[in-house]
Protein backbone atom coordinates (compact mmCIF):
# COMPACT_ATOMS: atom_id res chain seq x y z
CA MET A 1 6.24 10.29 1.76
CA ASP A 2 9.48 11.44 0.17
CA GLY A 3 9.99 14.09 -2.48
CA ASN A 4 7.89 17.10 -1.44
CA GLY A 5 10.80 19.53 -1.45
CA ARG A 6 12.22 18.26 -4.73
CA TRP A 7 8.77 18.42 -6.33
CA ALA A 8 8.57 22.12 -5.49
CA LEU A 9 12.14 22.95 -6.50
CA LEU A 10 11.68 21.28 -9.89
CA ARG A 11 8.83 23.72 -10.47
CA GLY A 12 10.72 26.74 -9.18
CA ARG A 13 8.50 27.03 -6.13
CA PRO A 14 9.24 27.23 -2.38
CA ARG A 15 9.65 23.91 -0.58
CA GLN A 16 6.55 24.67 1.49
CA GLU A 17 4.40 24.39 -1.64
CA GLY A 18 5.68 20.85 -2.03
CA HIS A 19 4.54 19.98 1.48
CA VAL A 20 1.11 21.47 0.76
CA ALA A 21 0.88 19.37 -2.41
CA GLY A 22 1.93 16.37 -0.33
CA VAL A 23 -1.17 16.79 1.84
CA THR A 24 -3.31 16.44 -1.28
CA ALA A 25 -1.51 13.16 -2.01
CA VAL A 26 -2.33 12.02 1.52
CA ARG A 27 -6.01 12.67 0.89
CA ARG A 28 -5.90 10.72 -2.40
CA THR A 29 -4.18 7.78 -0.76
CA VAL A 30 -6.50 7.67 2.25
CA GLN A 31 -9.53 7.79 -0.03
CA SER A 32 -8.37 4.98 -2.33
CA ALA A 33 -6.73 2.62 0.20
CA PRO A 34 -9.82 0.80 1.59
CA ALA A 35 -10.99 -0.32 -1.87
CA MET A 36 -7.62 -2.04 -2.36
CA GLY A 37 -7.97 -4.10 0.79
CA ILE A 38 -5.68 -1.90 2.88
CA THR A 39 -6.80 -1.78 6.52
CA THR A 40 -3.83 -0.01 8.14
CA LEU A 41 -1.80 2.78 6.53
CA THR A 42 1.22 4.33 8.26
CA LEU A 43 2.56 7.60 6.84
CA TYR A 44 5.98 8.98 7.78
CA ALA A 45 5.27 12.70 8.13
CA PHE A 46 8.15 13.97 10.30
CA SER A 47 11.14 12.00 11.56
CA SER A 48 13.09 12.85 14.70
CA ASP A 49 16.02 13.71 12.43
CA ASN A 50 13.87 16.27 10.61
CA TRP A 51 14.39 18.68 13.53
CA ARG A 52 17.72 19.39 11.82
CA ARG A 53 15.95 21.20 9.01
CA PRO A 54 15.80 25.02 8.92
CA PRO A 55 13.57 26.34 11.75
CA GLY A 56 11.27 28.09 9.30
CA GLU A 57 10.57 24.87 7.40
CA VAL A 58 10.00 22.97 10.64
CA ASP A 59 7.52 25.62 11.84
CA ASN A 60 5.68 25.47 8.53
CA LEU A 61 5.48 21.67 8.72
CA MET A 62 4.07 21.79 12.25
CA CYS A 63 1.44 24.31 11.16
CA LEU A 64 0.57 22.24 8.10
CA LEU A 65 0.14 19.10 10.21
CA GLN A 66 -2.15 20.93 12.60
CA GLU A 67 -4.19 22.33 9.72
CA TYR A 68 -4.57 18.81 8.33
CA PHE A 69 -5.83 17.37 11.61
CA ASP A 70 -8.21 20.27 12.20
CA SER A 71 -9.63 20.31 8.67
CA GLU A 72 -9.91 16.53 8.18
CA CYS A 73 -11.35 15.54 11.55
CA ASP A 74 -15.02 15.69 10.53
CA HIS A 75 -14.40 14.03 7.16
CA LEU A 76 -12.42 11.18 8.73
CA THR A 77 -15.13 10.66 11.34
CA ASP A 78 -17.89 10.59 8.72
CA SER A 79 -15.82 8.16 6.60
CA HIS A 80 -15.30 5.83 9.60
CA VAL A 81 -11.53 6.27 9.36
CA ARG A 82 -9.51 5.98 12.54
CA LEU A 83 -6.45 8.20 12.91
CA SER A 84 -3.68 7.85 15.47
CA VAL A 85 -0.23 9.39 15.76
CA ILE A 86 2.95 7.51 16.67
CA GLY A 87 6.14 9.11 17.92
CA ARG A 88 7.19 11.54 20.63
CA ARG A 89 4.79 14.23 21.77
CA ASP A 90 6.91 16.22 24.20
CA ARG A 91 8.71 18.28 21.54
CA ILE A 92 5.87 19.22 19.20
CA PRO A 93 3.87 22.47 19.71
CA SER A 94 1.19 22.18 22.39
CA SER A 95 -1.50 23.33 19.94
CA LEU A 96 -0.57 20.47 17.60
CA GLY A 97 -0.70 18.06 20.52
CA ARG A 98 -4.24 19.21 21.32
CA SER A 99 -5.33 18.76 17.71
CA ILE A 100 -3.88 15.24 17.70
CA ALA A 101 -5.68 14.32 20.92
CA LEU A 102 -8.97 15.63 19.53
CA VAL A 103 -8.82 13.80 16.20
CA GLU A 104 -7.71 10.57 17.89
CA ALA A 105 -10.68 10.74 20.27
CA ARG A 106 -13.18 11.69 17.56
CA THR A 107 -12.10 8.92 15.17
CA SER A 108 -11.41 6.16 17.68
CA GLU A 109 -14.39 4.06 16.54
CA GLY A 110 -13.46 4.11 12.84
CA THR A 111 -13.31 0.69 11.18
CA SER A 112 -12.93 1.29 7.42
CA LEU A 113 -9.24 2.26 7.66
CA HIS A 114 -6.69 2.94 10.39
CA ILE A 115 -4.27 5.73 9.50
CA ARG A 116 -1.16 6.04 11.63
CA ILE A 117 0.87 9.22 11.13
CA ALA A 118 4.45 9.18 12.40
CA ILE A 119 5.50 12.54 13.85
CA ASP A 120 8.80 13.09 15.67
CA TYR A 121 9.33 9.37 15.16
CA SER A 122 12.58 7.38 15.23
CA ALA A 123 12.58 3.59 15.05
CA ARG A 124 15.98 3.38 16.75
CA ASP A 125 14.87 5.63 19.61
CA ALA A 126 11.71 3.55 20.00
CA LEU A 127 13.77 0.35 20.16
CA LEU A 128 16.03 1.86 22.82
CA ALA A 129 13.04 2.98 24.88
CA ALA A 130 11.45 -0.48 24.63
CA ALA A 131 14.71 -2.14 25.65
CA GLY A 132 14.92 0.18 28.64
CA ARG A 133 11.49 -0.93 29.79
CA LEU A 134 12.47 -4.59 29.52
CA ALA A 135 15.63 -3.91 31.50
CA ARG A 136 13.43 -3.07 34.49
CA GLY A 137 12.53 -6.73 34.96
CA ILE A 138 10.05 -7.65 32.24
CA PRO A 139 10.83 -11.11 30.74
CA PRO A 140 12.47 -10.56 27.32
CA THR A 141 9.95 -12.19 24.98
CA ARG A 142 8.98 -10.86 21.56
CA GLU A 143 5.46 -10.20 22.79
CA ALA A 144 6.69 -8.23 25.83
CA PHE A 145 9.11 -6.28 23.66
CA GLU A 146 6.35 -5.38 21.20
CA ARG A 147 4.12 -4.15 24.03
CA SER A 148 6.98 -1.99 25.30
CA LEU A 149 7.66 -0.74 21.78
CA PHE A 150 4.03 0.30 21.24
CA GLU A 151 4.08 2.12 24.57
CA ALA A 152 7.26 3.93 23.54
CA ILE A 153 5.67 5.35 20.39
CA HIS A 154 2.17 5.92 21.81
CA ALA A 155 0.75 3.30 19.46
CA PRO A 156 -2.42 1.31 20.14
CA SER A 157 -1.74 -2.21 21.33
CA GLY A 158 -1.79 -5.12 18.92
CA THR A 159 0.40 -6.46 16.14
CA ARG A 160 1.56 -3.85 13.66
CA ASP A 161 3.87 -5.84 11.40
CA VAL A 162 4.37 -4.09 8.07
CA ASP A 163 3.32 -6.11 5.02
CA LEU A 164 4.26 -3.61 2.30
CA LEU A 165 6.65 -0.69 2.69
CA ILE A 166 6.41 1.88 -0.11
CA ARG A 167 9.04 4.58 -0.49
CA THR A 168 8.51 7.35 -3.02
CA GLY A 169 11.04 9.77 -4.48
CA GLY A 170 13.61 7.29 -5.77
CA GLU A 171 15.47 6.70 -2.49
CA GLN A 172 16.05 3.08 -1.47
CA ARG A 173 16.52 2.98 2.29
CA LEU A 174 14.39 2.65 5.43
CA SER A 175 15.47 5.97 7.00
CA ASP A 176 14.75 4.88 10.59
CA PHE A 177 11.16 3.86 9.87
CA LEU A 178 9.44 0.94 11.66
CA ILE A 179 12.59 -1.21 11.76
CA TRP A 180 11.20 -3.88 14.10
CA GLU A 181 7.81 -3.98 12.40
CA SER A 182 9.37 -4.24 8.92
CA ALA A 183 11.38 -7.41 9.60
CA TYR A 184 9.44 -9.29 6.89
CA ALA A 185 8.02 -6.35 4.96
CA GLU A 186 8.01 -6.40 1.18
CA LEU A 187 9.89 -3.33 -0.04
CA TYR A 188 8.64 -1.28 -2.98
CA PHE A 189 10.57 1.71 -4.30
CA THR A 190 9.28 4.17 -6.88
CA ASP A 191 10.78 7.27 -8.50
CA VAL A 192 7.43 9.05 -8.26
CA LEU A 193 7.69 12.07 -5.95
CA TRP A 194 5.12 11.98 -3.16
CA PRO A 195 2.96 14.93 -4.36
CA ASP A 196 2.50 13.07 -7.68
CA PHE A 197 1.70 9.71 -6.03
CA SER A 198 -1.68 8.69 -7.41
CA GLU A 199 -4.30 6.00 -6.95
CA ALA A 200 -2.76 4.21 -9.94
CA ASP A 201 0.67 4.28 -8.27
CA LEU A 202 -0.78 2.78 -5.09
CA ALA A 203 -2.56 0.11 -7.13
CA ALA A 204 0.71 -0.76 -8.90
CA ALA A 205 2.45 -1.20 -5.55
CA VAL A 206 -0.34 -3.40 -4.21
CA GLN A 207 -0.30 -5.48 -7.41
CA ALA A 208 3.47 -5.95 -7.11
CA PHE A 209 3.01 -7.00 -3.48
CA ALA A 210 0.37 -9.57 -4.43
CA ALA A 211 2.85 -11.20 -6.82
CA ARG A 212 5.55 -11.65 -4.16
CA ASP A 213 6.23 -15.10 -2.67
CA ARG A 214 6.18 -14.57 1.10
CA ARG A 215 7.64 -17.57 2.96
CA TYR A 216 8.80 -16.04 6.28
CA GLY A 217 11.89 -18.24 6.33
CA GLY A 218 10.04 -21.39 5.29
CA VAL A 219 9.71 -23.09 1.93
CA ARG A 220 7.06 -22.88 -0.72
CA LYS A 221 4.29 -25.42 -0.36
CA ALA A 222 4.06 -27.98 -3.13
CA VAL A 223 1.20 -27.40 -5.54
CA PRO A 224 -0.69 -30.60 -6.58
């Protein structure tokens, strides 16, 4: 979800207004995703490196995240949408942590869509934490490593390989996001800033994904 700050600056507004507009884009995306066959949607809301931003902006982001969880909890529950948060929880405000725990519990039975929101998340830190767990005597298999990785980021168990990775805002890099899970992800970059990301933009990304030839290291099967 890249481009909130630039969206605001281009309009001569404070960066915080861009983050507020970004929440509206989240709502649009969550609402339109199930009809496109999307069952799991992971949104990168706040990276571990984002703590380097000005304290005032960080505080505003934490408040905005809490407001989102508090205001959307009933709607997500009624829409049968499950929400969970991945990332560290020891550095975020305690009030935000309580809001996360509440919305996770309230939406745990949702089946129409699983939203995962990454907060204080770093793929490299998660990989290091998972490796540390394996170093304590767990046999080093991919399955064991994935279990350790999910524990490190407080993620529900089960495979979470990324099929399609969309980055908005014109940047073309992963920025420490789901490195292990994106080993065979299809990458899609768009110049659209996140607050402007629409249902049509999501549909274009899904259509581009459907046209990709995914072989996972193999060869294309012959067509009779």
